[in-house]
Amino acid sequence: MAYFARRMRSAMLVGPICCLLAPMAWADETRLSISGYDPVSYFTDGKPVPGKTEFEYVWHEARWRFASAAHRDLFVTDPEHYAPQYDGYCAMGVADVAVFGPHKDAVIPRLGPSSTASFI
């Protein structure tokens, strides 16, 4: 019984410490932009294409993924052209800052009825 009590006391001490330190480890990782989709593919392929981890580039404190090295190179030469406008903020959210406050929309690309990219 004493063994069980000691194990419970140590679990009660270690558990909260782990919960406090775990978010600190995640905070060090550079965030993934546009849910890992290739921003260049919207211009070259006309549709959303998931990026690959082997073709990553860090820009504006975010990791950008690309479907190919050629897409990554296009982005590197002119990231402002390929990155989402308004830093990812919703245009209506930016326009109605006084009413609703600025907000970013979730990036969940899907193919619409006309087979072009649209956002939910």
PDB file of N, CA and C in Angstrom:
ATOM      1  N   MET A   1       0.821  -1.188   0.000  1.00  0.00           N
ATOM      2  CA  MET A   1       0.000   0.000   0.000  1.00  0.00           C
ATOM      3  C   MET A   1       0.871   1.259   0.000  1.00  0.00           C
ATOM      4  N   ALA A   2       1.998   1.235   0.703  1.00  0.00           N
ATOM      5  CA  ALA A   2       2.880   2.393   0.750  1.00  0.00           C
ATOM      6  C   ALA A   2       3.472   2.663  -0.635  1.00  0.00           C
ATOM      7  N   TYR A   3       3.748   1.595  -1.371  1.00  0.00           N
ATOM      8  CA  TYR A   3       4.287   1.755  -2.722  1.00  0.00           C
ATOM      9  C   TYR A   3       3.287   2.505  -3.602  1.00  0.00           C
ATOM     10  N   PHE A   4       2.046   2.125  -3.521  1.00  0.00           N
ATOM     11  CA  PHE A   4       0.996   2.764  -4.314  1.00  0.00           C
ATOM     12  C   PHE A   4       0.857   4.240  -3.939  1.00  0.00           C
ATOM     13  N   ALA A   5       0.927   4.560  -2.678  1.00  0.00           N
ATOM     14  CA  ALA A   5       0.817   5.945  -2.211  1.00  0.00           C
ATOM     15  C   ALA A   5       1.985   6.780  -2.735  1.00  0.00           C
ATOM     16  N   ARG A   6       3.193   6.217  -2.718  1.00  0.00           N
ATOM     17  CA  ARG A   6       4.359   6.949  -3.242  1.00  0.00           C
ATOM     18  C   ARG A   6       4.203   7.202  -4.739  1.00  0.00           C
ATOM     19  N   ARG A   7       3.726   6.208  -5.470  1.00  0.00           N
ATOM     20  CA  ARG A   7       3.535   6.359  -6.923  1.00  0.00           C
ATOM     21  C   ARG A   7       2.492   7.439  -7.222  1.00  0.00           C
ATOM     22  N   MET A   8       1.446   7.481  -6.442  1.00  0.00           N
ATOM     23  CA  MET A   8       0.407   8.493  -6.636  1.00  0.00           C
ATOM     24  C   MET A   8       0.942   9.891  -6.354  1.00  0.00           C
ATOM     25  N   ARG A   9       1.748  10.034  -5.282  1.00  0.00           N
ATOM     26  CA  ARG A   9       2.320  11.343  -4.957  1.00  0.00           C
ATOM     27  C   ARG A   9       3.255  11.814  -6.062  1.00  0.00           C
ATOM     28  N   SER A  10       4.091  10.920  -6.582  1.00  0.00           N
ATOM     29  CA  SER A  10       5.018  11.326  -7.645  1.00  0.00           C
ATOM     30  C   SER A  10       4.247  11.671  -8.922  1.00  0.00           C
ATOM     31  N   ALA A  11       3.190  10.950  -9.224  1.00  0.00           N
ATOM     32  CA  ALA A  11       2.373  11.252 -10.408  1.00  0.00           C
ATOM     33  C   ALA A  11       1.698  12.603 -10.257  1.00  0.00           C
ATOM     34  N   MET A  12       1.273  12.921  -9.037  1.00  0.00           N
ATOM     35  CA  MET A  12       0.615  14.205  -8.795  1.00  0.00           C
ATOM     36  C   MET A  12       1.593  15.364  -8.944  1.00  0.00           C
ATOM     37  N   LEU A  13       2.869  15.129  -8.707  1.00  0.00           N
ATOM     38  CA  LEU A  13       3.871  16.178  -8.854  1.00  0.00           C
ATOM     39  C   LEU A  13       4.362  16.298 -10.297  1.00  0.00           C
ATOM     40  N   VAL A  14       4.580  15.167 -10.950  1.00  0.00           N
ATOM     41  CA  VAL A  14       5.142  15.163 -12.295  1.00  0.00           C
ATOM     42  C   VAL A  14       4.100  15.575 -13.338  1.00  0.00           C
ATOM     43  N   GLY A  15       2.870  15.155 -13.183  1.00  0.00           N
ATOM     44  CA  GLY A  15       1.817  15.455 -14.155  1.00  0.00           C
ATOM     45  C   GLY A  15       1.672  16.933 -14.468  1.00  0.00           C
ATOM     46  N   PRO A  16       1.477  17.787 -13.449  1.00  0.00           N
ATOM     47  CA  PRO A  16       1.334  19.223 -13.740  1.00  0.00           C
ATOM     48  C   PRO A  16       2.580  19.845 -14.358  1.00  0.00           C
ATOM     49  N   ILE A  17       3.750  19.373 -13.975  1.00  0.00           N
ATOM     50  CA  ILE A  17       4.993  19.921 -14.542  1.00  0.00           C
ATOM     51  C   ILE A  17       5.059  19.601 -16.038  1.00  0.00           C
ATOM     52  N   CYS A  18       4.705  18.377 -16.417  1.00  0.00           N
ATOM     53  CA  CYS A  18       4.703  18.011 -17.843  1.00  0.00           C
ATOM     54  C   CYS A  18       3.704  18.854 -18.621  1.00  0.00           C
ATOM     55  N   CYS A  19       2.547  19.099 -18.037  1.00  0.00           N
ATOM     56  CA  CYS A  19       1.530  19.905 -18.716  1.00  0.00           C
ATOM     57  C   CYS A  19       1.997  21.337 -18.925  1.00  0.00           C
ATOM     58  N   LEU A  20       2.801  21.839 -18.026  1.00  0.00           N
ATOM     59  CA  LEU A  20       3.299  23.203 -18.160  1.00  0.00           C
ATOM     60  C   LEU A  20       4.436  23.308 -19.168  1.00  0.00           C
ATOM     61  N   LEU A  21       5.266  22.288 -19.259  1.00  0.00           N
ATOM     62  CA  LEU A  21       6.429  22.345 -20.145  1.00  0.00           C
ATOM     63  C   LEU A  21       6.119  21.944 -21.583  1.00  0.00           C
ATOM     64  N   ALA A  22       5.117  21.135 -21.822  1.00  0.00           N
ATOM     65  CA  ALA A  22       4.808  20.660 -23.175  1.00  0.00           C
ATOM     66  C   ALA A  22       4.485  21.804 -24.129  1.00  0.00           C
ATOM     67  N   PRO A  23       3.633  22.787 -23.792  1.00  0.00           N
ATOM     68  CA  PRO A  23       3.366  23.874 -24.737  1.00  0.00           C
ATOM     69  C   PRO A  23       4.603  24.690 -25.072  1.00  0.00           C
ATOM     70  N   MET A  24       5.570  24.749 -24.171  1.00  0.00           N
ATOM     71  CA  MET A  24       6.795  25.508 -24.450  1.00  0.00           C
ATOM     72  C   MET A  24       7.570  24.859 -25.591  1.00  0.00           C
ATOM     73  N   ALA A  25       7.571  23.535 -25.656  1.00  0.00           N
ATOM     74  CA  ALA A  25       8.276  22.837 -26.730  1.00  0.00           C
ATOM     75  C   ALA A  25       7.592  23.100 -28.065  1.00  0.00           C
ATOM     76  N   TRP A  26       6.263  23.110 -28.090  1.00  0.00           N
ATOM     77  CA  TRP A  26       5.536  23.366 -29.332  1.00  0.00           C
ATOM     78  C   TRP A  26       5.706  24.807 -29.787  1.00  0.00           C
ATOM     79  N   ALA A  27       5.863  25.716 -28.865  1.00  0.00           N
ATOM     80  CA  ALA A  27       5.982  27.127 -29.219  1.00  0.00           C
ATOM     81  C   ALA A  27       7.268  27.409 -29.986  1.00  0.00           C
ATOM     82  N   ASP A  28       8.277  26.574 -29.816  1.00  0.00           N
ATOM     83  CA  ASP A  28       9.549  26.784 -30.509  1.00  0.00           C
ATOM     84  C   ASP A  28       9.481  26.399 -31.982  1.00  0.00           C
ATOM     85  N   GLU A  29       8.523  25.572 -32.365  1.00  0.00           N
ATOM     86  CA  GLU A  29       8.422  25.114 -33.744  1.00  0.00           C
ATOM     87  C   GLU A  29       7.805  26.204 -34.619  1.00  0.00           C
ATOM     88  N   THR A  30       8.401  26.433 -35.779  1.00  0.00           N
ATOM     89  CA  THR A  30       7.887  27.422 -36.721  1.00  0.00           C
ATOM     90  C   THR A  30       6.548  26.938 -37.258  1.00  0.00           C
ATOM     91  N   ARG A  31       5.550  27.829 -37.263  1.00  0.00           N
ATOM     92  CA  ARG A  31       4.195  27.432 -37.678  1.00  0.00           C
ATOM     93  C   ARG A  31       4.158  27.094 -39.162  1.00  0.00           C
ATOM     94  N   LEU A  32       3.227  26.249 -39.521  1.00  0.00           N
ATOM     95  CA  LEU A  32       3.039  25.820 -40.904  1.00  0.00           C
ATOM     96  C   LEU A  32       2.041  26.753 -41.572  1.00  0.00           C
ATOM     97  N   SER A  33       2.416  27.307 -42.704  1.00  0.00           N
ATOM     98  CA  SER A  33       1.537  28.248 -43.406  1.00  0.00           C
ATOM     99  C   SER A  33       0.508  27.512 -44.254  1.00  0.00           C
ATOM    100  N   ILE A  34      -0.599  28.139 -44.469  1.00  0.00           N
ATOM    101  CA  ILE A  34      -1.756  27.682 -45.263  1.00  0.00           C
ATOM    102  C   ILE A  34      -1.964  26.161 -45.221  1.00  0.00           C
ATOM    103  N   SER A  35      -1.896  25.630 -44.032  1.00  0.00           N
ATOM    104  CA  SER A  35      -2.157  24.209 -43.761  1.00  0.00           C
ATOM    105  C   SER A  35      -1.274  23.270 -44.585  1.00  0.00           C
ATOM    106  N   GLY A  36      -0.112  23.736 -45.000  1.00  0.00           N
ATOM    107  CA  GLY A  36       0.822  22.882 -45.733  1.00  0.00           C
ATOM    108  C   GLY A  36       0.580  22.787 -47.223  1.00  0.00           C
ATOM    109  N   TYR A  37      -0.362  23.587 -47.745  1.00  0.00           N
ATOM    110  CA  TYR A  37      -0.621  23.552 -49.188  1.00  0.00           C
ATOM    111  C   TYR A  37       0.394  24.420 -49.932  1.00  0.00           C
ATOM    112  N   ASP A  38       0.664  24.062 -51.165  1.00  0.00           N
ATOM    113  CA  ASP A  38       1.616  24.758 -52.021  1.00  0.00           C
ATOM    114  C   ASP A  38       0.964  26.035 -52.565  1.00  0.00           C
ATOM    115  N   PRO A  39       1.437  27.226 -52.169  1.00  0.00           N
ATOM    116  CA  PRO A  39       0.809  28.458 -52.655  1.00  0.00           C
ATOM    117  C   PRO A  39       1.030  28.691 -54.145  1.00  0.00           C
ATOM    118  N   VAL A  40       2.102  28.180 -54.699  1.00  0.00           N
ATOM    119  CA  VAL A  40       2.401  28.372 -56.122  1.00  0.00           C
ATOM    120  C   VAL A  40       1.448  27.549 -56.986  1.00  0.00           C
ATOM    121  N   SER A  41       0.966  26.432 -56.469  1.00  0.00           N
ATOM    122  CA  SER A  41       0.090  25.564 -57.272  1.00  0.00           C
ATOM    123  C   SER A  41      -1.214  26.257 -57.667  1.00  0.00           C
ATOM    124  N   TYR A  42      -1.661  27.227 -56.871  1.00  0.00           N
ATOM    125  CA  TYR A  42      -2.877  27.957 -57.245  1.00  0.00           C
ATOM    126  C   TYR A  42      -2.664  28.739 -58.549  1.00  0.00           C
ATOM    127  N   PHE A  43      -1.434  29.163 -58.784  1.00  0.00           N
ATOM    128  CA  PHE A  43      -1.114  29.934 -59.992  1.00  0.00           C
ATOM    129  C   PHE A  43      -0.736  29.036 -61.161  1.00  0.00           C
ATOM    130  N   THR A  44      -0.012  27.958 -60.891  1.00  0.00           N
ATOM    131  CA  THR A  44       0.472  27.107 -61.976  1.00  0.00           C
ATOM    132  C   THR A  44      -0.493  25.985 -62.337  1.00  0.00           C
ATOM    133  N   ASP A  45      -1.143  25.380 -61.341  1.00  0.00           N
ATOM    134  CA  ASP A  45      -2.033  24.253 -61.578  1.00  0.00           C
ATOM    135  C   ASP A  45      -3.511  24.639 -61.511  1.00  0.00           C
ATOM    136  N   GLY A  46      -3.798  25.817 -60.948  1.00  0.00           N
ATOM    137  CA  GLY A  46      -5.182  26.261 -60.820  1.00  0.00           C
ATOM    138  C   GLY A  46      -5.976  25.508 -59.771  1.00  0.00           C
ATOM    139  N   LYS A  47      -5.290  24.833 -58.859  1.00  0.00           N
ATOM    140  CA  LYS A  47      -5.971  24.067 -57.812  1.00  0.00           C
ATOM    141  C   LYS A  47      -5.029  23.899 -56.619  1.00  0.00           C
ATOM    142  N   PRO A  48      -5.587  23.563 -55.452  1.00  0.00           N
ATOM    143  CA  PRO A  48      -4.739  23.331 -54.288  1.00  0.00           C
ATOM    144  C   PRO A  48      -4.011  21.997 -54.397  1.00  0.00           C
ATOM    145  N   VAL A  49      -2.728  22.021 -54.080  1.00  0.00           N
ATOM    146  CA  VAL A  49      -1.904  20.810 -54.083  1.00  0.00           C
ATOM    147  C   VAL A  49      -1.158  20.770 -52.753  1.00  0.00           C
ATOM    148  N   PRO A  50      -1.243  19.664 -52.025  1.00  0.00           N
ATOM    149  CA  PRO A  50      -0.497  19.587 -50.762  1.00  0.00           C
ATOM    150  C   PRO A  50       1.005  19.673 -51.013  1.00  0.00           C
ATOM    151  N   GLY A  51       1.686  20.438 -50.158  1.00  0.00           N
ATOM    152  CA  GLY A  51       3.137  20.531 -50.253  1.00  0.00           C
ATOM    153  C   GLY A  51       3.806  19.341 -49.592  1.00  0.00           C
ATOM    154  N   LYS A  52       5.082  19.165 -49.873  1.00  0.00           N
ATOM    155  CA  LYS A  52       5.858  18.053 -49.315  1.00  0.00           C
ATOM    156  C   LYS A  52       6.898  18.600 -48.347  1.00  0.00           C
ATOM    157  N   THR A  53       7.181  17.823 -47.311  1.00  0.00           N
ATOM    158  CA  THR A  53       8.127  18.273 -46.288  1.00  0.00           C
ATOM    159  C   THR A  53       9.537  18.474 -46.847  1.00  0.00           C
ATOM    160  N   GLU A  54       9.889  17.757 -47.892  1.00  0.00           N
ATOM    161  CA  GLU A  54      11.244  17.914 -48.440  1.00  0.00           C
ATOM    162  C   GLU A  54      11.418  19.213 -49.240  1.00  0.00           C
ATOM    163  N   PHE A  55      10.313  19.886 -49.538  1.00  0.00           N
ATOM    164  CA  PHE A  55      10.380  21.166 -50.257  1.00  0.00           C
ATOM    165  C   PHE A  55       9.798  22.275 -49.384  1.00  0.00           C
ATOM    166  N   GLU A  56      10.491  22.613 -48.324  1.00  0.00           N
ATOM    167  CA  GLU A  56      10.041  23.655 -47.402  1.00  0.00           C
ATOM    168  C   GLU A  56      10.929  24.886 -47.500  1.00  0.00           C
ATOM    169  N   TYR A  57      10.337  26.027 -47.161  1.00  0.00           N
ATOM    170  CA  TYR A  57      11.059  27.292 -47.131  1.00  0.00           C
ATOM    171  C   TYR A  57      10.460  28.130 -46.001  1.00  0.00           C
ATOM    172  N   VAL A  58      11.302  28.727 -45.169  1.00  0.00           N
ATOM    173  CA  VAL A  58      10.815  29.554 -44.070  1.00  0.00           C
ATOM    174  C   VAL A  58      10.831  31.009 -44.517  1.00  0.00           C
ATOM    175  N   TRP A  59       9.663  31.643 -44.420  1.00  0.00           N
ATOM    176  CA  TRP A  59       9.497  33.049 -44.797  1.00  0.00           C
ATOM    177  C   TRP A  59       8.452  33.667 -43.882  1.00  0.00           C
ATOM    178  N   HIS A  60       8.716  34.837 -43.375  1.00  0.00           N
ATOM    179  CA  HIS A  60       7.820  35.549 -42.439  1.00  0.00           C
ATOM    180  C   HIS A  60       7.443  34.677 -41.243  1.00  0.00           C
ATOM    181  N   GLU A  61       8.439  34.031 -40.674  1.00  0.00           N
ATOM    182  CA  GLU A  61       8.268  33.196 -39.475  1.00  0.00           C
ATOM    183  C   GLU A  61       7.247  32.079 -39.669  1.00  0.00           C
ATOM    184  N   ALA A  62       7.182  31.540 -40.880  1.00  0.00           N
ATOM    185  CA  ALA A  62       6.286  30.423 -41.173  1.00  0.00           C
ATOM    186  C   ALA A  62       6.981  29.468 -42.141  1.00  0.00           C
ATOM    187  N   ARG A  63       6.638  28.189 -42.022  1.00  0.00           N
ATOM    188  CA  ARG A  63       7.151  27.177 -42.944  1.00  0.00           C
ATOM    189  C   ARG A  63       6.174  27.047 -44.110  1.00  0.00           C
ATOM    190  N   TRP A  64       6.674  27.212 -45.301  1.00  0.00           N
ATOM    191  CA  TRP A  64       5.871  27.077 -46.512  1.00  0.00           C
ATOM    192  C   TRP A  64       6.284  25.780 -47.192  1.00  0.00           C
ATOM    193  N   ARG A  65       5.312  24.984 -47.592  1.00  0.00           N
ATOM    194  CA  ARG A  65       5.595  23.718 -48.277  1.00  0.00           C
ATOM    195  C   ARG A  65       5.195  23.815 -49.741  1.00  0.00           C
ATOM    196  N   PHE A  66       5.931  23.068 -50.559  1.00  0.00           N
ATOM    197  CA  PHE A  66       5.724  23.110 -52.007  1.00  0.00           C
ATOM    198  C   PHE A  66       5.694  21.702 -52.571  1.00  0.00           C
ATOM    199  N   ALA A  67       5.003  21.549 -53.688  1.00  0.00           N
ATOM    200  CA  ALA A  67       4.876  20.244 -54.334  1.00  0.00           C
ATOM    201  C   ALA A  67       6.164  19.835 -55.040  1.00  0.00           C
ATOM    202  N   SER A  68       6.999  20.813 -55.389  1.00  0.00           N
ATOM    203  CA  SER A  68       8.243  20.509 -56.099  1.00  0.00           C
ATOM    204  C   SER A  68       9.296  21.574 -55.790  1.00  0.00           C
ATOM    205  N   ALA A  69      10.526  21.261 -56.131  1.00  0.00           N
ATOM    206  CA  ALA A  69      11.614  22.233 -55.953  1.00  0.00           C
ATOM    207  C   ALA A  69      11.415  23.433 -56.872  1.00  0.00           C
ATOM    208  N   ALA A  70      10.846  23.205 -58.047  1.00  0.00           N
ATOM    209  CA  ALA A  70      10.595  24.311 -58.982  1.00  0.00           C
ATOM    210  C   ALA A  70       9.589  25.297 -58.392  1.00  0.00           C
ATOM    211  N   HIS A  71       8.549  24.800 -57.738  1.00  0.00           N
ATOM    212  CA  HIS A  71       7.570  25.685 -57.099  1.00  0.00           C
ATOM    213  C   HIS A  71       8.212  26.453 -55.948  1.00  0.00           C
ATOM    214  N   ARG A  72       9.049  25.768 -55.179  1.00  0.00           N
ATOM    215  CA  ARG A  72       9.748  26.449 -54.084  1.00  0.00           C
ATOM    216  C   ARG A  72      10.627  27.569 -54.634  1.00  0.00           C
ATOM    217  N   ASP A  73      11.326  27.316 -55.710  1.00  0.00           N
ATOM    218  CA  ASP A  73      12.205  28.328 -56.292  1.00  0.00           C
ATOM    219  C   ASP A  73      11.417  29.522 -56.820  1.00  0.00           C
ATOM    220  N   LEU A  74      10.253  29.274 -57.415  1.00  0.00           N
ATOM    221  CA  LEU A  74       9.400  30.380 -57.871  1.00  0.00           C
ATOM    222  C   LEU A  74       8.973  31.243 -56.686  1.00  0.00           C
ATOM    223  N   PHE A  75       8.597  30.613 -55.596  1.00  0.00           N
ATOM    224  CA  PHE A  75       8.167  31.344 -54.404  1.00  0.00           C
ATOM    225  C   PHE A  75       9.318  32.161 -53.823  1.00  0.00           C
ATOM    226  N   VAL A  76      10.484  31.575 -53.755  1.00  0.00           N
ATOM    227  CA  VAL A  76      11.649  32.259 -53.180  1.00  0.00           C
ATOM    228  C   VAL A  76      11.983  33.525 -53.962  1.00  0.00           C
ATOM    229  N   THR A  77      11.815  33.497 -55.275  1.00  0.00           N
ATOM    230  CA  THR A  77      12.150  34.672 -56.084  1.00  0.00           C
ATOM    231  C   THR A  77      11.157  35.819 -55.903  1.00  0.00           C
ATOM    232  N   ASP A  78       9.876  35.499 -55.573  1.00  0.00           N
ATOM    233  CA  ASP A  78       8.861  36.552 -55.404  1.00  0.00           C
ATOM    234  C   ASP A  78       7.758  36.090 -54.443  1.00  0.00           C
ATOM    235  N   PRO A  79       8.066  35.964 -53.144  1.00  0.00           N
ATOM    236  CA  PRO A  79       7.068  35.445 -52.200  1.00  0.00           C
ATOM    237  C   PRO A  79       5.819  36.315 -52.080  1.00  0.00           C
ATOM    238  N   GLU A  80       5.945  37.611 -52.221  1.00  0.00           N
ATOM    239  CA  GLU A  80       4.780  38.505 -52.117  1.00  0.00           C
ATOM    240  C   GLU A  80       3.742  38.192 -53.194  1.00  0.00           C
ATOM    241  N   HIS A  81       4.195  37.726 -54.339  1.00  0.00           N
ATOM    242  CA  HIS A  81       3.282  37.392 -55.436  1.00  0.00           C
ATOM    243  C   HIS A  81       2.439  36.159 -55.111  1.00  0.00           C
ATOM    244  N   TYR A  82       3.047  35.174 -54.466  1.00  0.00           N
ATOM    245  CA  TYR A  82       2.387  33.895 -54.242  1.00  0.00           C
ATOM    246  C   TYR A  82       1.721  33.762 -52.869  1.00  0.00           C
ATOM    247  N   ALA A  83       2.145  34.516 -51.890  1.00  0.00           N
ATOM    248  CA  ALA A  83       1.584  34.410 -50.535  1.00  0.00           C
ATOM    249  C   ALA A  83       0.174  34.994 -50.501  1.00  0.00           C
ATOM    250  N   PRO A  84      -0.678  34.505 -49.596  1.00  0.00           N
ATOM    251  CA  PRO A  84      -2.035  35.061 -49.478  1.00  0.00           C
ATOM    252  C   PRO A  84      -1.998  36.560 -49.173  1.00  0.00           C
ATOM    253  N   GLN A  85      -2.951  37.290 -49.712  1.00  0.00           N
ATOM    254  CA  GLN A  85      -3.024  38.734 -49.480  1.00  0.00           C
ATOM    255  C   GLN A  85      -3.432  39.018 -48.046  1.00  0.00           C
ATOM    256  N   TYR A  86      -3.156  40.181 -47.595  1.00  0.00           N
ATOM    257  CA  TYR A  86      -3.522  40.676 -46.263  1.00  0.00           C
ATOM    258  C   TYR A  86      -2.965  39.795 -45.146  1.00  0.00           C
ATOM    259  N   ASP A  87      -1.837  39.097 -45.386  1.00  0.00           N
ATOM    260  CA  ASP A  87      -1.210  38.237 -44.395  1.00  0.00           C
ATOM    261  C   ASP A  87      -2.166  37.145 -43.907  1.00  0.00           C
ATOM    262  N   GLY A  88      -3.092  36.741 -44.750  1.00  0.00           N
ATOM    263  CA  GLY A  88      -4.031  35.683 -44.405  1.00  0.00           C
ATOM    264  C   GLY A  88      -5.291  36.160 -43.695  1.00  0.00           C
ATOM    265  N   TYR A  89      -5.379  37.463 -43.414  1.00  0.00           N
ATOM    266  CA  TYR A  89      -6.587  37.975 -42.777  1.00  0.00           C
ATOM    267  C   TYR A  89      -7.718  38.044 -43.789  1.00  0.00           C
ATOM    268  N   CYS A  90      -8.908  37.786 -43.343  1.00  0.00           N
ATOM    269  CA  CYS A  90     -10.097  37.880 -44.179  1.00  0.00           C
ATOM    270  C   CYS A  90     -10.290  39.342 -44.582  1.00  0.00           C
ATOM    271  N   ALA A  91     -10.556  39.602 -45.856  1.00  0.00           N
ATOM    272  CA  ALA A  91     -10.736  40.982 -46.318  1.00  0.00           C
ATOM    273  C   ALA A  91     -11.893  41.656 -45.597  1.00  0.00           C
ATOM    274  N   MET A  92     -12.979  40.950 -45.365  1.00  0.00           N
ATOM    275  CA  MET A  92     -14.109  41.522 -44.631  1.00  0.00           C
ATOM    276  C   MET A  92     -13.747  41.750 -43.171  1.00  0.00           C
ATOM    277  N   GLY A  93     -12.943  40.844 -42.625  1.00  0.00           N
ATOM    278  CA  GLY A  93     -12.515  41.007 -41.233  1.00  0.00           C
ATOM    279  C   GLY A  93     -11.641  42.231 -41.052  1.00  0.00           C
ATOM    280  N   VAL A  94     -10.822  42.525 -42.038  1.00  0.00           N
ATOM    281  CA  VAL A  94      -9.974  43.717 -41.980  1.00  0.00           C
ATOM    282  C   VAL A  94     -10.821  44.969 -42.175  1.00  0.00           C
ATOM    283  N   ALA A  95     -11.824  44.904 -43.066  1.00  0.00           N
ATOM    284  CA  ALA A  95     -12.671  46.066 -43.340  1.00  0.00           C
ATOM    285  C   ALA A  95     -13.564  46.417 -42.151  1.00  0.00           C
ATOM    286  N   ASP A  96     -14.029  45.408 -41.422  1.00  0.00           N
ATOM    287  CA  ASP A  96     -14.941  45.634 -40.294  1.00  0.00           C
ATOM    288  C   ASP A  96     -14.235  45.475 -38.951  1.00  0.00           C
ATOM    289  N   VAL A  97     -13.022  45.990 -38.845  1.00  0.00           N
ATOM    290  CA  VAL A  97     -12.240  45.849 -37.618  1.00  0.00           C
ATOM    291  C   VAL A  97     -12.989  46.416 -36.421  1.00  0.00           C
ATOM    292  N   ALA A  98     -13.639  47.570 -36.584  1.00  0.00           N
ATOM    293  CA  ALA A  98     -14.329  48.207 -35.462  1.00  0.00           C
ATOM    294  C   ALA A  98     -15.518  47.371 -34.992  1.00  0.00           C
ATOM    295  N   VAL A  99     -16.144  46.634 -35.909  1.00  0.00           N
ATOM    296  CA  VAL A  99     -17.343  45.873 -35.550  1.00  0.00           C
ATOM    297  C   VAL A  99     -16.986  44.470 -35.055  1.00  0.00           C
ATOM    298  N   PHE A 100     -16.234  43.745 -35.872  1.00  0.00           N
ATOM    299  CA  PHE A 100     -15.950  42.339 -35.567  1.00  0.00           C
ATOM    300  C   PHE A 100     -14.525  42.084 -35.094  1.00  0.00           C
ATOM    301  N   GLY A 101     -13.623  42.996 -35.330  1.00  0.00           N
ATOM    302  CA  GLY A 101     -12.212  42.771 -35.012  1.00  0.00           C
ATOM    303  C   GLY A 101     -11.564  41.986 -36.142  1.00  0.00           C
ATOM    304  N   PRO A 102     -10.259  42.118 -36.298  1.00  0.00           N
ATOM    305  CA  PRO A 102      -9.585  41.395 -37.383  1.00  0.00           C
ATOM    306  C   PRO A 102      -9.576  39.891 -37.090  1.00  0.00           C
ATOM    307  N   HIS A 103      -9.732  39.099 -38.130  1.00  0.00           N
ATOM    308  CA  HIS A 103      -9.655  37.656 -37.951  1.00  0.00           C
ATOM    309  C   HIS A 103      -9.098  37.010 -39.212  1.00  0.00           C
ATOM    310  N   LYS A 104      -8.495  35.855 -39.012  1.00  0.00           N
ATOM    311  CA  LYS A 104      -8.000  35.072 -40.135  1.00  0.00           C
ATOM    312  C   LYS A 104      -8.962  33.912 -40.360  1.00  0.00           C
ATOM    313  N   ASP A 105      -9.197  33.605 -41.616  1.00  0.00           N
ATOM    314  CA  ASP A 105     -10.039  32.465 -41.933  1.00  0.00           C
ATOM    315  C   ASP A 105      -9.195  31.203 -41.969  1.00  0.00           C
ATOM    316  N   ALA A 106      -9.832  30.084 -41.700  1.00  0.00           N
ATOM    317  CA  ALA A 106      -9.151  28.798 -41.785  1.00  0.00           C
ATOM    318  C   ALA A 106      -8.868  28.481 -43.246  1.00  0.00           C
ATOM    319  N   VAL A 107      -7.744  27.869 -43.495  1.00  0.00           N
ATOM    320  CA  VAL A 107      -7.396  27.477 -44.857  1.00  0.00           C
ATOM    321  C   VAL A 107      -7.759  26.011 -45.016  1.00  0.00           C
ATOM    322  N   ILE A 108      -8.905  25.782 -45.657  1.00  0.00           N
ATOM    323  CA  ILE A 108      -9.367  24.426 -45.930  1.00  0.00           C
ATOM    324  C   ILE A 108      -9.735  24.383 -47.409  1.00  0.00           C
ATOM    325  N   PRO A 109      -8.750  24.205 -48.273  1.00  0.00           N
ATOM    326  CA  PRO A 109      -9.049  24.225 -49.699  1.00  0.00           C
ATOM    327  C   PRO A 109      -9.844  22.997 -50.133  1.00  0.00           C
ATOM    328  N   ARG A 110     -10.702  23.211 -51.099  1.00  0.00           N
ATOM    329  CA  ARG A 110     -11.461  22.119 -51.700  1.00  0.00           C
ATOM    330  C   ARG A 110     -11.713  22.508 -53.148  1.00  0.00           C
ATOM    331  N   LEU A 111     -12.064  21.541 -53.939  1.00  0.00           N
ATOM    332  CA  LEU A 111     -12.396  21.815 -55.343  1.00  0.00           C
ATOM    333  C   LEU A 111     -13.881  22.092 -55.435  1.00  0.00           C
ATOM    334  N   GLY A 112     -14.217  23.229 -56.024  1.00  0.00           N
ATOM    335  CA  GLY A 112     -15.620  23.613 -56.188  1.00  0.00           C
ATOM    336  C   GLY A 112     -16.216  22.954 -57.413  1.00  0.00           C
ATOM    337  N   PRO A 113     -17.466  23.300 -57.742  1.00  0.00           N
ATOM    338  CA  PRO A 113     -18.148  22.679 -58.889  1.00  0.00           C
ATOM    339  C   PRO A 113     -17.474  22.979 -60.223  1.00  0.00           C
ATOM    340  N   SER A 114     -16.757  24.091 -60.306  1.00  0.00           N
ATOM    341  CA  SER A 114     -16.104  24.412 -61.576  1.00  0.00           C
ATOM    342  C   SER A 114     -14.663  23.900 -61.613  1.00  0.00           C
ATOM    343  N   SER A 115     -14.307  23.021 -60.665  1.00  0.00           N
ATOM    344  CA  SER A 115     -12.966  22.421 -60.564  1.00  0.00           C
ATOM    345  C   SER A 115     -11.889  23.463 -60.336  1.00  0.00           C
ATOM    346  N   THR A 116     -12.230  24.584 -59.724  1.00  0.00           N
ATOM    347  CA  THR A 116     -11.217  25.537 -59.335  1.00  0.00           C
ATOM    348  C   THR A 116     -11.184  25.597 -57.821  1.00  0.00           C
ATOM    349  N   ALA A 117     -10.112  26.092 -57.283  1.00  0.00           N
ATOM    350  CA  ALA A 117      -9.946  26.127 -55.832  1.00  0.00           C
ATOM    351  C   ALA A 117     -10.921  27.117 -55.209  1.00  0.00           C
ATOM    352  N   SER A 118     -11.505  26.722 -54.113  1.00  0.00           N
ATOM    353  CA  SER A 118     -12.333  27.623 -53.327  1.00  0.00           C
ATOM    354  C   SER A 118     -12.095  27.315 -51.865  1.00  0.00           C
ATOM    355  N   PHE A 119     -12.485  28.206 -51.005  1.00  0.00           N
ATOM    356  CA  PHE A 119     -12.249  28.020 -49.581  1.00  0.00           C
ATOM    357  C   PHE A 119     -13.573  27.903 -48.855  1.00  0.00           C
ATOM    358  N   ILE A 120     -13.585  27.043 -47.865  1.00  0.00           N
ATOM    359  CA  ILE A 120     -14.775  26.833 -47.047  1.00  0.00           C
ATOM    360  C   ILE A 120     -14.776  27.890 -45.956  1.00  0.00           C
TER     361      ILE A 120
END
